[in-house]
Amino acid sequence: MPTQEQLKKYAALAVRTGINLQSGQQLEIRAGIENAPLVREITRVAYEVGASNVYVQWSDDEMTKIRYFDAPEDSFDAFPEWLKARFDQLADEKTAFLSVVSEDPDLLNGVESSRIARANKAAGVALANWRKFVMSDNVSWCVVAAPSDAWAAKVFPDSENAVEELWDAILKATRVDQADPVAAWEKHDHNLRTKATFLTEKKYKTLHYSAPGTELSIELPERHVWLGGGGPNADGVDFIANLPTEEVFTLPKKTGVNGHVSSTKPLSYSGNLIDGFTLWFEDGKIVKAEAKQGQAALDELISLDEGARYLGEVALVPHHSPISDSGILFYNTLFDENASCHLAIGRAYSTCLENGPSLSNEELAEQGANDSMTHVDFMIGSADMSIDGELADGTREPLMRDGNWSI
């Protein structure tokens, strides 16, 4: 376990920098029961800031596993109406949402894939309005992490102190090990926003990717916007959605993706690992998908709905990012996506279009944004990747060489 002082610094970073909780605002925390000490510190900081109420939605990996193995079949086709109403009401009340992730990457290994897919679909349909609300940054939201025994053992299988090692890695990745984490994040946030502004002003028409197992072109919508670090919610309050974050990102044109792309890190999806996979695209649509591990889970993911066969995000991360340089494979997307360029299957962030949050679903579609009940990032970057940006006149400029920035 980290020291009490480290827990306090981490909790303060999550509340004051990640969520940037405002006085009088409510906070909803979702966390595993193993991380109660951190959640208590987060709650304490939230009330110090002036939270009106702090609610916690606890989860337990063992209870989740029992349900997926032993619950009746028809239970996976339903999502509780009271829980849907809870999410919708909290969003309407401009509650801030903080997730503390710690899931075992192999949690649901051996569970029939159709059960997982049906549960994901039921939740996706029920929470569609809430997801749109959050992904349009109408409210502040943030994802942080804390170890569980099973996750730590996966990351450090030969260690007798796996939880302590994972805690150390998390605190370093989030800059909590520095003397003033808040100041460190202010500087890092500024650097990411500067890079995003540069790319937005460039207005590249197409990105061209080349690496072993990857030859891919991604067209960008005319009115696309690059984002990085933090940004404002609908009320103008800045927040940072992921701690850590090393990416700048935008959305692809739904029908503008062609070629093939191969993963470079395992994807932890719904308690299963998908690894060594390649996707083939024609006019934006995934027309073929092959995985060395987790083929059934991959098939279920891209079959969740029509939008799950298209991309919703393109993100650039230098190979020499702090998380990549650590040499640690986290088996957790919050970290692994910040060690590698990545893409996302599913729904696009409306904030990646000019005036996007004010557009209807139909208007977003006209601008080229994909819609789906899912959004799943997968990692494609490596030291061997090159990326060119193509301007409107056809001129190509190097964006990345050997996995790192050329600009």
Protein backbone atom coordinates (compact mmCIF):
# COMPACT_ATOMS: atom_id res chain seq x y z
CA MET A 1 0.00 0.00 0.00
CA PRO A 2 1.13 3.57 -0.59
CA THR A 3 1.63 5.80 2.42
CA GLN A 4 -1.31 7.77 3.73
CA GLU A 5 0.34 10.91 2.39
CA GLN A 6 0.57 9.40 -1.11
CA LEU A 7 -3.09 8.36 -0.98
CA LYS A 8 -4.03 11.90 -0.03
CA LYS A 9 -1.98 13.37 -2.90
CA TYR A 10 -3.53 10.92 -5.37
CA ALA A 11 -7.05 11.61 -4.10
CA ALA A 12 -6.45 15.36 -4.28
CA LEU A 13 -5.17 15.04 -7.86
CA ALA A 14 -8.26 13.05 -8.90
CA VAL A 15 -10.71 15.50 -7.30
CA ARG A 16 -9.01 18.85 -7.87
CA THR A 17 -7.28 18.27 -11.24
CA GLY A 18 -9.08 15.31 -12.81
CA ILE A 19 -12.70 16.10 -11.95
CA ASN A 20 -12.05 19.69 -10.82
CA LEU A 21 -15.04 19.31 -8.53
CA GLN A 22 -16.94 22.51 -7.85
CA SER A 23 -18.49 23.64 -4.57
CA GLY A 24 -22.08 22.44 -4.30
CA GLN A 25 -21.61 19.72 -6.93
CA GLN A 26 -22.37 16.03 -6.43
CA LEU A 27 -19.78 13.30 -7.06
CA GLU A 28 -20.50 9.72 -8.13
CA ILE A 29 -17.61 7.28 -7.57
CA ARG A 30 -17.50 3.82 -9.10
CA ALA A 31 -14.87 1.55 -7.57
CA GLY A 32 -14.02 -1.96 -6.50
CA ILE A 33 -14.28 -2.88 -2.84
CA GLU A 34 -10.53 -3.56 -2.69
CA ASN A 35 -9.92 0.14 -3.12
CA ALA A 36 -11.98 1.41 -0.19
CA PRO A 37 -8.98 3.24 1.41
CA LEU A 38 -8.48 5.37 -1.74
CA VAL A 39 -12.22 5.98 -2.12
CA ARG A 40 -12.42 7.21 1.47
CA GLU A 41 -9.62 9.71 0.78
CA ILE A 42 -11.33 10.84 -2.43
CA THR A 43 -14.55 11.34 -0.49
CA ARG A 44 -12.76 13.34 2.19
CA VAL A 45 -11.16 15.64 -0.42
CA ALA A 46 -14.48 16.03 -2.23
CA TYR A 47 -16.20 17.30 0.90
CA GLU A 48 -13.25 19.60 1.61
CA VAL A 49 -13.76 21.11 -1.85
CA GLY A 50 -17.43 21.62 -1.09
CA ALA A 51 -19.26 18.62 -2.56
CA SER A 52 -22.93 18.54 -1.67
CA ASN A 53 -23.05 14.74 -1.74
CA VAL A 54 -20.69 11.89 -2.58
CA TYR A 55 -22.21 8.61 -3.76
CA VAL A 56 -20.31 5.36 -4.24
CA GLN A 57 -21.29 2.49 -6.51
CA TRP A 58 -19.21 -0.46 -5.32
CA SER A 59 -18.25 -3.48 -7.39
CA ASP A 60 -16.66 -6.81 -6.51
CA ASP A 61 -14.86 -8.95 -9.08
CA GLU A 62 -15.86 -12.19 -7.38
CA MET A 63 -19.54 -11.22 -7.36
CA THR A 64 -19.28 -10.26 -11.03
CA LYS A 65 -17.72 -13.61 -11.86
CA ILE A 66 -20.39 -15.53 -9.93
CA ARG A 67 -23.11 -13.73 -11.86
CA TYR A 68 -21.64 -14.48 -15.28
CA PHE A 69 -21.12 -18.15 -14.50
CA ASP A 70 -24.29 -18.89 -12.51
CA ALA A 71 -27.07 -16.40 -13.32
CA PRO A 72 -30.00 -17.48 -15.53
CA GLU A 73 -29.64 -16.89 -19.26
CA ASP A 74 -32.45 -14.37 -19.62
CA SER A 75 -30.97 -12.10 -16.94
CA PHE A 76 -28.29 -10.96 -19.40
CA ASP A 77 -30.85 -9.39 -21.70
CA ALA A 78 -32.11 -6.93 -19.09
CA PHE A 79 -30.68 -3.82 -17.42
CA PRO A 80 -32.30 -2.55 -14.21
CA GLU A 81 -34.62 0.39 -14.83
CA TRP A 82 -33.76 1.85 -11.41
CA LEU A 83 -30.06 1.86 -12.30
CA LYS A 84 -30.72 3.50 -15.65
CA ALA A 85 -32.82 6.14 -13.87
CA ARG A 86 -29.99 6.68 -11.38
CA PHE A 87 -27.45 7.40 -14.11
CA ASP A 88 -29.83 9.68 -16.01
CA GLN A 89 -30.84 11.64 -12.92
CA LEU A 90 -27.25 12.12 -11.78
CA ALA A 91 -26.32 13.39 -15.24
CA ASP A 92 -29.30 15.77 -15.32
CA GLU A 93 -28.12 17.14 -11.98
CA LYS A 94 -24.63 17.81 -13.43
CA THR A 95 -23.04 15.28 -11.11
CA ALA A 96 -19.33 14.61 -11.68
CA PHE A 97 -18.39 10.98 -12.40
CA LEU A 98 -15.16 9.39 -11.18
CA SER A 99 -14.22 5.79 -11.97
CA VAL A 100 -11.48 3.92 -10.10
CA VAL A 101 -10.58 0.97 -12.33
CA SER A 102 -8.88 -2.15 -11.01
CA GLU A 103 -10.45 -5.05 -12.88
CA ASP A 104 -8.67 -8.37 -13.31
CA PRO A 105 -7.87 -8.60 -17.07
CA ASP A 106 -8.75 -12.31 -17.03
CA LEU A 107 -11.83 -11.94 -14.82
CA LEU A 108 -14.33 -13.56 -17.19
CA ASN A 109 -12.02 -16.02 -18.88
CA GLY A 110 -14.07 -19.16 -19.53
CA VAL A 111 -17.44 -17.41 -19.49
CA GLU A 112 -19.57 -18.06 -22.57
CA SER A 113 -18.94 -15.04 -24.80
CA SER A 114 -22.61 -14.66 -25.70
CA ARG A 115 -23.45 -13.92 -22.05
CA ILE A 116 -20.96 -11.07 -21.96
CA ALA A 117 -22.17 -9.72 -25.30
CA ARG A 118 -25.82 -9.78 -24.25
CA ALA A 119 -25.07 -8.00 -20.99
CA ASN A 120 -23.00 -5.37 -22.80
CA LYS A 121 -25.76 -4.80 -25.33
CA ALA A 122 -28.45 -4.45 -22.66
CA ALA A 123 -26.33 -1.91 -20.77
CA GLY A 124 -25.45 -0.11 -23.99
CA VAL A 125 -29.08 0.38 -24.95
CA ALA A 126 -30.16 1.43 -21.46
CA LEU A 127 -27.34 3.92 -20.95
CA ALA A 128 -27.32 5.44 -24.44
CA ASN A 129 -28.53 8.86 -23.27
CA TRP A 130 -26.14 8.93 -20.33
CA ARG A 131 -23.20 7.91 -22.53
CA LYS A 132 -23.99 10.66 -25.05
CA PHE A 133 -24.24 13.17 -22.19
CA VAL A 134 -20.86 12.19 -20.79
CA MET A 135 -19.03 11.78 -24.12
CA SER A 136 -20.18 15.28 -25.10
CA ASP A 137 -18.53 16.63 -21.93
CA ASN A 138 -21.79 17.99 -20.58
CA VAL A 139 -20.43 16.98 -17.18
CA SER A 140 -16.95 16.45 -15.75
CA TRP A 141 -15.74 12.87 -15.65
CA CYS A 142 -12.45 11.17 -14.90
CA VAL A 143 -10.93 7.69 -14.84
CA VAL A 144 -8.11 6.77 -12.45
CA ALA A 145 -6.79 3.39 -11.34
CA ALA A 146 -5.79 1.49 -8.24
CA PRO A 147 -4.46 -2.07 -7.92
CA SER A 148 -6.38 -5.20 -7.19
CA ASP A 149 -4.59 -8.40 -6.20
CA ALA A 150 -5.48 -10.15 -9.45
CA TRP A 151 -4.55 -7.22 -11.70
CA ALA A 152 -1.22 -6.75 -9.92
CA ALA A 153 -0.41 -10.44 -10.24
CA LYS A 154 -1.07 -10.25 -13.98
CA VAL A 155 1.26 -7.28 -14.43
CA PHE A 156 4.02 -8.61 -12.12
CA PRO A 157 3.58 -12.41 -12.15
CA ASP A 158 6.99 -13.16 -10.61
CA SER A 159 6.85 -10.61 -7.81
CA GLU A 160 6.17 -11.27 -4.16
CA ASN A 161 5.14 -7.62 -3.81
CA ALA A 162 3.02 -7.21 -6.93
CA VAL A 163 0.47 -4.83 -5.42
CA GLU A 164 3.19 -2.53 -4.09
CA GLU A 165 4.96 -2.57 -7.47
CA LEU A 166 1.75 -1.74 -9.31
CA TRP A 167 1.03 1.08 -6.88
CA ASP A 168 4.50 2.49 -7.55
CA ALA A 169 3.94 2.29 -11.31
CA ILE A 170 0.54 4.01 -11.06
CA LEU A 171 1.87 6.82 -8.88
CA LYS A 172 4.76 7.43 -11.30
CA ALA A 173 2.49 7.37 -14.36
CA THR A 174 0.15 9.91 -12.76
CA ARG A 175 3.05 12.11 -11.53
CA VAL A 176 1.97 11.65 -7.91
CA ASP A 177 5.58 10.73 -7.11
CA GLN A 178 6.61 14.31 -7.89
CA ALA A 179 6.87 17.02 -5.26
CA ASP A 180 3.93 18.98 -6.67
CA PRO A 181 1.70 16.73 -8.80
CA VAL A 182 -0.79 19.51 -9.52
CA ALA A 183 1.93 21.79 -10.92
CA ALA A 184 3.38 18.90 -12.93
CA TRP A 185 -0.03 18.25 -14.47
CA GLU A 186 -0.54 21.93 -15.30
CA LYS A 187 2.70 21.87 -17.34
CA HIS A 188 1.86 18.54 -19.00
CA ASP A 189 -1.69 19.67 -19.78
CA HIS A 190 -0.33 22.82 -21.46
CA ASN A 191 2.05 20.78 -23.64
CA LEU A 192 -0.71 18.41 -24.80
CA ARG A 193 -3.08 21.27 -25.60
CA THR A 194 -0.35 23.05 -27.58
CA LYS A 195 0.21 19.93 -29.70
CA ALA A 196 -3.54 19.53 -30.25
CA THR A 197 -3.89 23.17 -31.33
CA PHE A 198 -1.07 22.75 -33.85
CA LEU A 199 -2.74 19.69 -35.39
CA THR A 200 -6.15 21.36 -35.49
CA GLU A 201 -4.71 24.32 -37.37
CA LYS A 202 -2.99 21.99 -39.85
CA LYS A 203 -6.36 20.56 -40.95
CA TYR A 204 -4.91 17.35 -42.33
CA LYS A 205 -7.29 15.63 -44.71
CA THR A 206 -5.92 12.11 -44.24
CA LEU A 207 -3.50 10.26 -41.98
CA HIS A 208 -1.40 7.46 -43.48
CA TYR A 209 -0.04 4.74 -41.16
CA SER A 210 2.75 2.31 -41.99
CA ALA A 211 4.26 -0.36 -39.71
CA PRO A 212 4.75 -4.15 -39.66
CA GLY A 213 1.25 -5.56 -40.12
CA THR A 214 -0.25 -2.11 -40.73
CA GLU A 215 -0.96 -0.15 -43.91
CA LEU A 216 -3.87 2.14 -43.15
CA SER A 217 -5.32 5.44 -44.31
CA ILE A 218 -7.74 7.43 -42.15
CA GLU A 219 -9.64 10.37 -43.60
CA LEU A 220 -10.60 13.11 -41.13
CA PRO A 221 -13.84 15.13 -41.24
CA GLU A 222 -13.47 18.64 -42.64
CA ARG A 223 -14.43 20.26 -39.31
CA HIS A 224 -12.43 17.96 -37.05
CA VAL A 225 -10.75 19.23 -33.88
CA TRP A 226 -7.78 17.69 -32.08
CA LEU A 227 -7.92 17.52 -28.29
CA GLY A 228 -5.35 16.69 -25.64
CA GLY A 229 -4.99 17.00 -21.90
CA GLY A 230 -7.96 18.71 -20.30
CA GLY A 231 -10.83 20.76 -21.62
CA PRO A 232 -14.01 22.50 -20.51
CA ASN A 233 -17.34 20.88 -19.74
CA ALA A 234 -20.62 22.47 -20.83
CA ASP A 235 -20.38 24.98 -17.96
CA GLY A 236 -16.84 26.02 -18.88
CA VAL A 237 -15.14 24.14 -16.04
CA ASP A 238 -11.89 22.47 -17.12
CA PHE A 239 -11.29 18.81 -16.25
CA ILE A 240 -8.97 15.99 -17.35
CA ALA A 241 -10.84 12.82 -18.25
CA ASN A 242 -7.97 10.34 -17.92
CA LEU A 243 -5.20 10.24 -15.32
CA PRO A 244 -2.75 9.41 -16.82
CA THR A 245 -3.01 10.78 -20.34
CA GLU A 246 -0.30 11.22 -22.99
CA GLU A 247 -2.47 11.42 -26.11
CA VAL A 248 -3.81 13.94 -28.56
CA PHE A 249 -6.90 12.67 -30.36
CA THR A 250 -9.65 13.41 -32.84
CA LEU A 251 -12.30 11.48 -34.75
CA PRO A 252 -12.02 9.77 -38.14
CA LYS A 253 -14.53 10.18 -40.93
CA LYS A 254 -16.78 7.16 -40.48
CA THR A 255 -16.52 5.98 -44.10
CA GLY A 256 -12.94 7.15 -44.67
CA VAL A 257 -10.86 4.28 -43.25
CA ASN A 258 -9.17 1.84 -45.64
CA GLY A 259 -6.46 -0.80 -45.33
CA HIS A 260 -5.47 -2.99 -42.40
CA VAL A 261 -4.08 -2.43 -38.92
CA SER A 262 -2.53 -4.79 -36.36
CA SER A 263 -2.61 -4.49 -32.59
CA THR A 264 0.66 -4.08 -30.70
CA LYS A 265 -0.61 -4.68 -27.15
CA PRO A 266 -3.27 -6.95 -25.65
CA LEU A 267 -6.75 -5.50 -25.28
CA SER A 268 -8.55 -6.17 -22.00
CA TYR A 269 -12.23 -6.23 -22.94
CA SER A 270 -15.05 -7.30 -20.63
CA GLY A 271 -12.88 -9.57 -18.51
CA ASN A 272 -11.13 -11.23 -21.45
CA LEU A 273 -7.89 -10.55 -23.30
CA ILE A 274 -7.86 -10.07 -27.07
CA ASP A 275 -4.33 -10.24 -28.46
CA GLY A 276 -2.45 -10.41 -31.75
CA PHE A 277 -5.36 -9.16 -33.84
CA THR A 278 -5.63 -7.53 -37.23
CA LEU A 279 -8.58 -5.58 -38.63
CA TRP A 280 -9.27 -4.96 -42.32
CA PHE A 281 -11.29 -1.89 -43.39
CA GLU A 282 -13.17 -0.96 -46.54
CA ASP A 283 -14.82 2.48 -46.68
CA GLY A 284 -14.65 2.68 -42.91
CA LYS A 285 -16.18 -0.70 -42.14
CA ILE A 286 -14.40 -3.63 -40.51
CA VAL A 287 -14.80 -6.37 -43.11
CA LYS A 288 -12.46 -8.91 -41.53
CA ALA A 289 -11.07 -9.45 -38.03
CA GLU A 290 -8.60 -12.10 -36.92
CA ALA A 291 -7.10 -12.59 -33.44
CA LYS A 292 -4.50 -15.03 -32.14
CA GLN A 293 -6.21 -14.89 -28.74
CA GLY A 294 -9.79 -13.93 -27.90
CA GLN A 295 -11.37 -14.36 -31.33
CA ALA A 296 -14.83 -14.90 -29.85
CA ALA A 297 -14.58 -11.76 -27.73
CA LEU A 298 -13.40 -9.75 -30.74
CA ASP A 299 -16.28 -11.06 -32.84
CA GLU A 300 -18.78 -10.15 -30.13
CA LEU A 301 -17.28 -6.66 -29.79
CA ILE A 302 -17.55 -5.74 -33.46
CA SER A 303 -21.03 -7.27 -33.69
CA LEU A 304 -22.49 -5.30 -30.78
CA ASP A 305 -24.22 -2.92 -33.19
CA GLU A 306 -23.65 -1.46 -36.67
CA GLY A 307 -21.43 1.30 -35.31
CA ALA A 308 -19.11 -1.24 -33.69
CA ARG A 309 -17.78 -2.06 -37.15
CA TYR A 310 -16.50 1.50 -37.58
CA LEU A 311 -13.97 3.68 -35.77
CA GLY A 312 -14.75 6.58 -33.46
CA GLU A 313 -11.31 7.82 -32.39
CA VAL A 314 -7.77 8.23 -33.67
CA ALA A 315 -5.12 9.06 -31.05
CA LEU A 316 -1.43 9.85 -31.36
CA VAL A 317 1.02 8.98 -28.57
CA PRO A 318 4.81 9.07 -28.93
CA HIS A 319 6.59 5.77 -28.41
CA HIS A 320 8.87 7.49 -25.89
CA SER A 321 6.08 8.39 -23.51
CA PRO A 322 6.68 7.89 -19.78
CA ILE A 323 4.42 4.83 -19.67
CA SER A 324 6.01 3.24 -22.72
CA ASP A 325 9.50 3.94 -21.39
CA SER A 326 8.61 2.19 -18.13
CA GLY A 327 8.56 -1.10 -20.06
CA ILE A 328 5.47 -2.23 -18.13
CA LEU A 329 2.57 -3.90 -19.90
CA PHE A 330 -0.39 -2.94 -17.72
CA TYR A 331 -3.12 -5.05 -19.37
CA ASN A 332 -5.34 -2.02 -18.76
CA THR A 333 -6.37 0.39 -21.48
CA LEU A 334 -6.12 3.48 -19.26
CA PHE A 335 -2.35 2.94 -19.16
CA ASP A 336 -1.54 0.94 -22.28
CA GLU A 337 -3.30 3.41 -24.58
CA ASN A 338 -0.99 6.09 -23.20
CA ALA A 339 2.06 4.07 -24.18
CA SER A 340 0.99 3.68 -27.80
CA CYS A 341 -0.83 5.27 -30.70
CA HIS A 342 -4.32 3.84 -30.68
CA LEU A 343 -7.70 3.76 -32.34
CA ALA A 344 -11.15 3.19 -30.90
CA ILE A 345 -13.98 1.05 -32.18
CA GLY A 346 -17.41 2.63 -31.78
CA ARG A 347 -18.82 6.00 -30.85
CA ALA A 348 -16.97 9.22 -31.65
CA TYR A 349 -16.57 12.10 -29.24
CA SER A 350 -18.73 14.97 -30.47
CA THR A 351 -16.22 17.36 -28.87
CA CYS A 352 -13.84 16.46 -31.70
CA LEU A 353 -16.00 18.44 -34.15
CA GLU A 354 -16.45 22.19 -34.27
CA ASN A 355 -19.54 22.93 -32.14
CA GLY A 356 -20.03 19.17 -31.93
CA PRO A 357 -21.77 18.98 -28.54
CA SER A 358 -24.57 21.22 -29.86
CA LEU A 359 -25.23 19.01 -32.89
CA SER A 360 -27.99 16.40 -33.13
CA ASN A 361 -27.21 12.77 -33.87
CA GLU A 362 -28.27 13.36 -37.47
CA GLU A 363 -26.02 16.41 -37.80
CA LEU A 364 -23.10 14.54 -36.27
CA ALA A 365 -23.61 11.73 -38.79
CA GLU A 366 -23.65 14.25 -41.64
CA GLN A 367 -20.29 15.56 -40.42
CA GLY A 368 -18.87 12.01 -40.53
CA ALA A 369 -19.06 11.00 -36.85
CA ASN A 370 -19.73 7.38 -35.98
CA ASP A 371 -22.40 6.41 -33.46
CA SER A 372 -22.45 3.24 -31.37
CA MET A 373 -23.32 1.98 -27.91
CA THR A 374 -19.64 1.13 -27.38
CA HIS A 375 -16.26 2.84 -27.40
CA VAL A 376 -13.24 0.54 -27.07
CA ASP A 377 -9.64 1.68 -27.54
CA PHE A 378 -6.99 -0.66 -28.93
CA MET A 379 -3.27 -0.10 -29.27
CA ILE A 380 -1.44 -0.03 -32.62
CA GLY A 381 1.73 2.06 -32.03
CA SER A 382 5.32 0.84 -31.93
CA ALA A 383 8.90 1.98 -32.49
CA ASP A 384 8.46 0.91 -36.13
CA MET A 385 5.44 3.09 -36.94
CA SER A 386 5.46 5.99 -39.39
CA ILE A 387 2.54 8.37 -39.83
CA ASP A 388 2.13 11.01 -42.53
CA GLY A 389 -0.40 13.81 -42.58
CA GLU A 390 -1.88 14.61 -45.99
CA LEU A 391 -3.01 18.19 -46.62
CA ALA A 392 -5.98 19.19 -48.78
CA ASP A 393 -3.68 19.75 -51.79
CA GLY A 394 -2.25 16.23 -51.52
CA THR A 395 1.04 17.25 -49.90
CA ARG A 396 2.27 14.77 -47.31
CA GLU A 397 4.13 15.77 -44.17
CA PRO A 398 5.80 13.45 -41.63
CA LEU A 399 3.96 13.38 -38.32
CA MET A 400 5.73 10.44 -36.71
CA ARG A 401 8.86 8.46 -37.52
CA ASP A 402 10.09 5.46 -35.53
CA GLY A 403 7.02 5.91 -33.36
CA ASN A 404 7.89 9.44 -32.23
CA TRP A 405 6.87 12.97 -33.20
CA SER A 406 8.44 14.54 -36.28
CA ILE A 407 6.80 17.89 -35.63
